[in-house]
Amino acid sequence: MAPSIIIIGASCYLAWEAMQKQQNSKAIFYSLCLIAGFSGFVVSLITYVHYLQPYYELGRGATYLDMMPSQSAMGATDATALYFAQGTSIDTDRTYGYVDARSSSGNTYCVAPLGNNWTIREPDVQFFAAGMNCCGMRSSFGCGQGGSGARGALILAREDNADPGFKAAVEGAAVEYSLRPGNGYLLLYMITDPMLYRQDKLYNALKLLLIYALVYLMIACMTGYMAKNYNSGSTYVRRH
């Protein structure tokens, strides 16, 4: 993004100088450079925030396979993605939605424990599927992707760094359903395939940059063609 800022500053100065000297062709050229620099800055910022930063973050941590929902979450503190074993699902019957009445946003913090056929009714919970504004107070859990049977997960937060709203939701679920959240429990965003999700981030970043380059090329060609015709007409008028 730094090169874009330099191009914006230099192009703005050169375009102004060319306009003062009535050098129209140069002014148009530097104006195009200014537009390119500014639009490039905006597109690169969007690309980084929405695609490249998540792609980088997902690649920094470990990925654990065939996790059991009864395993200690403390053993996956360095993870950014998890794959749970066959049979793992979200226990939507123990959904808990917490609304912070003191907040003006009115967001609902949703949690539901993960389990399987052997642990689905056990009170100990190490992993909670979580999300915002995607459940009812005690039902209709719809957070994540892939439905209640999704076995892939991205780490949203850990017990020690979770949003207070999510902590309150876990505490509320513990009281409502007699749960015992494990020390260092993990809040998860459930998806079908975390690795495919990461690859899509890179693919979408490249696609956005390619579309931007093609669109700007078309705009630059059209503007250049119009500028050429304008200068040709001005030269004809001056000669006659």
Protein backbone atom coordinates (compact mmCIF):
# COMPACT_ATOMS: atom_id res chain seq x y z
CA MET A 1 0.00 0.00 0.00
CA ALA A 2 2.95 2.35 0.54
CA PRO A 3 3.75 2.53 -3.23
CA SER A 4 0.15 3.60 -3.88
CA ILE A 5 0.50 6.49 -1.43
CA ILE A 6 3.74 7.63 -3.10
CA ILE A 7 2.12 7.43 -6.55
CA ILE A 8 -0.89 9.45 -5.32
CA GLY A 9 1.29 12.23 -3.92
CA ALA A 10 3.63 12.44 -6.92
CA SER A 11 0.82 12.25 -9.50
CA CYS A 12 -1.20 14.92 -7.75
CA TYR A 13 1.76 17.31 -7.75
CA LEU A 14 2.72 16.61 -11.39
CA ALA A 15 -0.89 16.86 -12.62
CA TRP A 16 -1.30 20.26 -10.93
CA GLU A 17 1.97 21.49 -12.39
CA ALA A 18 0.98 20.34 -15.89
CA MET A 19 -2.39 22.09 -15.60
CA GLN A 20 -0.68 25.33 -14.59
CA LYS A 21 1.47 25.11 -17.70
CA GLN A 22 -1.58 24.18 -19.82
CA GLN A 23 0.03 20.92 -20.87
CA ASN A 24 -3.26 19.07 -21.26
CA SER A 25 -1.90 15.72 -22.42
CA LYS A 26 0.49 15.51 -19.48
CA ALA A 27 -2.21 16.63 -17.07
CA ILE A 28 -4.50 13.85 -18.30
CA PHE A 29 -1.70 11.29 -18.02
CA TYR A 30 -0.83 12.27 -14.46
CA SER A 31 -4.52 12.37 -13.56
CA LEU A 32 -4.81 8.77 -14.74
CA CYS A 33 -1.81 7.89 -12.57
CA LEU A 34 -3.50 9.62 -9.64
CA ILE A 35 -6.72 7.63 -10.17
CA ALA A 36 -4.71 4.43 -10.53
CA GLY A 37 -2.83 5.10 -7.31
CA PHE A 38 -5.96 5.92 -5.32
CA SER A 39 -8.04 3.02 -6.65
CA GLY A 40 -5.06 0.70 -6.20
CA PHE A 41 -4.78 1.77 -2.57
CA VAL A 42 -8.48 1.08 -1.93
CA VAL A 43 -8.44 -2.30 -3.69
CA SER A 44 -5.23 -3.40 -1.97
CA LEU A 45 -6.67 -2.43 1.42
CA ILE A 46 -9.85 -4.43 0.77
CA THR A 47 -7.81 -7.38 -0.51
CA TYR A 48 -5.60 -7.41 2.56
CA VAL A 49 -8.32 -7.01 5.19
CA HIS A 50 -10.87 -9.43 3.70
CA TYR A 51 -8.65 -12.04 2.07
CA LEU A 52 -4.90 -11.97 2.65
CA GLN A 53 -4.91 -11.29 6.38
CA PRO A 54 -7.29 -14.23 7.12
CA TYR A 55 -5.25 -16.39 4.73
CA TYR A 56 -2.07 -15.50 6.62
CA GLU A 57 -3.64 -15.97 10.05
CA LEU A 58 -4.98 -19.42 9.15
CA GLY A 59 -1.53 -20.49 8.00
CA ARG A 60 0.27 -19.42 11.18
CA GLY A 61 -1.10 -22.08 13.52
CA ALA A 62 -1.37 -25.85 13.62
CA THR A 63 -4.16 -27.96 12.13
CA TYR A 64 -5.34 -30.97 14.14
CA LEU A 65 -7.08 -33.94 12.53
CA ASP A 66 -9.62 -36.42 13.92
CA MET A 67 -10.15 -34.49 17.13
CA MET A 68 -12.59 -36.00 19.61
CA PRO A 69 -14.99 -33.54 21.26
CA SER A 70 -14.04 -35.04 24.63
CA GLN A 71 -10.33 -34.23 24.20
CA SER A 72 -8.91 -31.41 26.28
CA ALA A 73 -9.01 -28.10 24.46
CA MET A 74 -5.75 -27.19 26.23
CA GLY A 75 -3.97 -29.56 23.84
CA ALA A 76 -4.98 -27.43 20.84
CA THR A 77 -4.00 -23.97 22.08
CA ASP A 78 -1.66 -23.48 19.11
CA ALA A 79 -4.29 -24.45 16.52
CA THR A 80 -5.99 -22.25 13.96
CA ALA A 81 -8.04 -25.07 12.41
CA LEU A 82 -9.49 -28.38 13.60
CA TYR A 83 -11.04 -31.44 11.97
CA PHE A 84 -13.24 -33.45 14.29
CA ALA A 85 -13.73 -37.22 14.06
CA GLN A 86 -16.66 -38.81 12.27
CA GLY A 87 -19.85 -38.61 14.31
CA THR A 88 -19.11 -35.23 15.86
CA SER A 89 -21.93 -32.72 15.62
CA ILE A 90 -23.28 -29.55 17.20
CA ASP A 91 -25.68 -30.22 20.05
CA THR A 92 -28.29 -27.71 18.91
CA ASP A 93 -30.65 -28.85 21.68
CA ARG A 94 -28.35 -27.08 24.14
CA THR A 95 -28.13 -23.80 22.24
CA TYR A 96 -27.77 -20.68 24.33
CA GLY A 97 -28.13 -17.14 23.02
CA TYR A 98 -27.01 -14.28 25.23
CA VAL A 99 -28.10 -10.70 24.58
CA ASP A 100 -26.19 -7.98 26.44
CA ALA A 101 -28.94 -5.61 27.55
CA ARG A 102 -26.35 -2.98 28.47
CA SER A 103 -25.07 -2.76 24.89
CA SER A 104 -26.81 -0.55 22.32
CA SER A 105 -25.89 -2.99 19.51
CA GLY A 106 -28.29 -5.67 20.77
CA ASN A 107 -26.08 -8.49 19.43
CA THR A 108 -26.89 -12.08 20.33
CA TYR A 109 -23.86 -14.18 21.34
CA CYS A 110 -24.59 -17.80 20.41
CA VAL A 111 -22.94 -20.96 21.71
CA ALA A 112 -23.71 -24.69 21.49
CA PRO A 113 -21.53 -27.59 22.71
CA LEU A 114 -19.89 -30.10 20.38
CA GLY A 115 -20.39 -33.79 21.07
CA ASN A 116 -20.92 -37.26 19.64
CA ASN A 117 -23.05 -40.29 20.49
CA TRP A 118 -20.98 -40.98 23.61
CA THR A 119 -20.66 -37.44 24.95
CA ILE A 120 -23.81 -35.72 23.69
CA ARG A 121 -25.41 -35.76 27.15
CA GLU A 122 -22.27 -35.47 29.24
CA PRO A 123 -21.89 -32.26 31.27
CA ASP A 124 -18.19 -31.73 30.43
CA VAL A 125 -17.69 -29.54 27.34
CA GLN A 126 -14.35 -28.63 25.79
CA PHE A 127 -15.52 -27.12 22.51
CA PHE A 128 -18.36 -24.74 21.74
CA ALA A 129 -19.62 -23.83 18.27
CA ALA A 130 -20.14 -20.07 18.37
CA GLY A 131 -21.27 -17.07 16.36
CA MET A 132 -23.14 -13.81 16.56
CA ASN A 133 -26.78 -13.14 15.67
CA CYS A 134 -27.30 -16.68 14.36
CA CYS A 135 -29.51 -18.33 16.96
CA GLY A 136 -32.55 -17.87 19.15
CA MET A 137 -32.46 -17.58 22.91
CA ARG A 138 -32.51 -21.37 23.39
CA SER A 139 -32.90 -22.80 19.87
CA SER A 140 -32.38 -22.35 16.13
CA PHE A 141 -28.58 -22.50 16.17
CA GLY A 142 -27.45 -21.59 12.64
CA CYS A 143 -23.90 -20.32 13.09
CA GLY A 144 -21.10 -21.38 10.77
CA GLN A 145 -21.27 -23.21 7.45
CA GLY A 146 -22.31 -26.74 6.61
CA GLY A 147 -25.07 -27.23 9.17
CA SER A 148 -24.94 -28.99 12.52
CA GLY A 149 -22.94 -31.88 11.05
CA ALA A 150 -19.94 -29.77 9.94
CA ARG A 151 -16.75 -31.27 11.37
CA GLY A 152 -14.21 -28.62 10.38
CA ALA A 153 -13.62 -25.61 12.59
CA LEU A 154 -11.73 -22.33 12.77
CA ILE A 155 -10.71 -20.97 16.16
CA LEU A 156 -12.78 -17.93 17.06
CA ALA A 157 -11.42 -17.47 20.56
CA ARG A 158 -10.12 -19.20 23.65
CA GLU A 159 -11.45 -18.89 27.15
CA ASP A 160 -8.76 -16.40 28.12
CA ASN A 161 -9.29 -14.03 25.17
CA ALA A 162 -12.98 -14.50 24.37
CA ASP A 163 -15.32 -11.54 24.08
CA PRO A 164 -17.19 -10.93 27.37
CA GLY A 165 -20.45 -11.57 25.52
CA PHE A 166 -19.32 -15.09 24.55
CA LYS A 167 -18.07 -15.76 28.08
CA ALA A 168 -21.48 -14.75 29.41
CA ALA A 169 -23.14 -17.07 26.86
CA VAL A 170 -20.98 -20.01 27.99
CA GLU A 171 -21.73 -19.24 31.63
CA GLY A 172 -25.43 -19.02 30.82
CA ALA A 173 -25.35 -22.36 28.99
CA ALA A 174 -23.54 -23.92 31.95
CA VAL A 175 -26.33 -22.83 34.29
CA GLU A 176 -29.21 -23.60 31.90
CA TYR A 177 -28.05 -27.09 30.90
CA SER A 178 -25.86 -28.05 33.90
CA LEU A 179 -22.69 -28.00 31.79
CA ARG A 180 -19.10 -27.95 33.02
CA PRO A 181 -16.98 -25.94 30.51
CA GLY A 182 -13.41 -27.22 30.50
CA ASN A 183 -10.45 -25.07 31.44
CA GLY A 184 -9.25 -23.29 28.31
CA TYR A 185 -12.37 -24.20 26.31
CA LEU A 186 -12.39 -23.14 22.64
CA LEU A 187 -15.03 -21.20 20.73
CA LEU A 188 -15.24 -22.43 17.14
CA TYR A 189 -16.62 -21.27 13.81
CA MET A 190 -17.80 -24.51 12.24
CA ILE A 191 -17.26 -25.08 8.51
CA THR A 192 -17.03 -28.07 6.20
CA ASP A 193 -13.38 -27.73 5.16
CA PRO A 194 -11.00 -25.19 6.81
CA MET A 195 -8.25 -25.76 4.24
CA LEU A 196 -10.58 -25.14 1.32
CA TYR A 197 -11.79 -22.02 3.15
CA ARG A 198 -8.18 -20.79 3.36
CA GLN A 199 -7.49 -21.54 -0.32
CA ASP A 200 -10.64 -19.65 -1.29
CA LYS A 201 -9.28 -16.57 0.48
CA LEU A 202 -6.17 -16.57 -1.72
CA TYR A 203 -8.17 -17.36 -4.86
CA ASN A 204 -10.61 -14.52 -4.20
CA ALA A 205 -7.74 -12.11 -3.54
CA LEU A 206 -6.14 -12.95 -6.89
CA LYS A 207 -9.50 -12.75 -8.66
CA LEU A 208 -10.24 -9.31 -7.21
CA LEU A 209 -6.83 -7.96 -8.25
CA LEU A 210 -7.17 -9.40 -11.76
CA ILE A 211 -10.65 -7.89 -12.21
CA TYR A 212 -9.38 -4.53 -10.98
CA ALA A 213 -6.43 -4.62 -13.40
CA LEU A 214 -8.65 -5.47 -16.38
CA VAL A 215 -11.28 -2.85 -15.52
CA TYR A 216 -8.69 -0.14 -15.02
CA LEU A 217 -6.96 -1.08 -18.28
CA MET A 218 -10.25 -0.63 -20.15
CA ILE A 219 -10.89 2.73 -18.47
CA ALA A 220 -7.35 3.92 -19.19
CA CYS A 221 -7.61 2.92 -22.87
CA MET A 222 -10.94 4.72 -23.27
CA THR A 223 -9.65 7.83 -21.51
CA GLY A 224 -6.46 7.82 -23.56
CA TYR A 225 -8.43 7.52 -26.78
CA MET A 226 -10.68 10.45 -25.84
CA ALA A 227 -7.67 12.53 -24.80
CA LYS A 228 -6.00 11.84 -28.15
CA ASN A 229 -9.11 13.00 -30.05
CA TYR A 230 -9.34 16.09 -27.86
CA ASN A 231 -5.74 17.06 -28.52
CA SER A 232 -6.14 16.43 -32.26
CA GLY A 233 -9.19 18.71 -32.36
CA SER A 234 -7.38 21.43 -30.41
CA THR A 235 -4.40 21.30 -32.78
CA TYR A 236 -6.71 21.57 -35.81
CA VAL A 237 -8.46 24.62 -34.37
CA ARG A 238 -5.16 26.39 -33.58
CA ARG A 239 -3.86 25.82 -37.11
CA HIS A 240 -6.97 27.31 -38.71
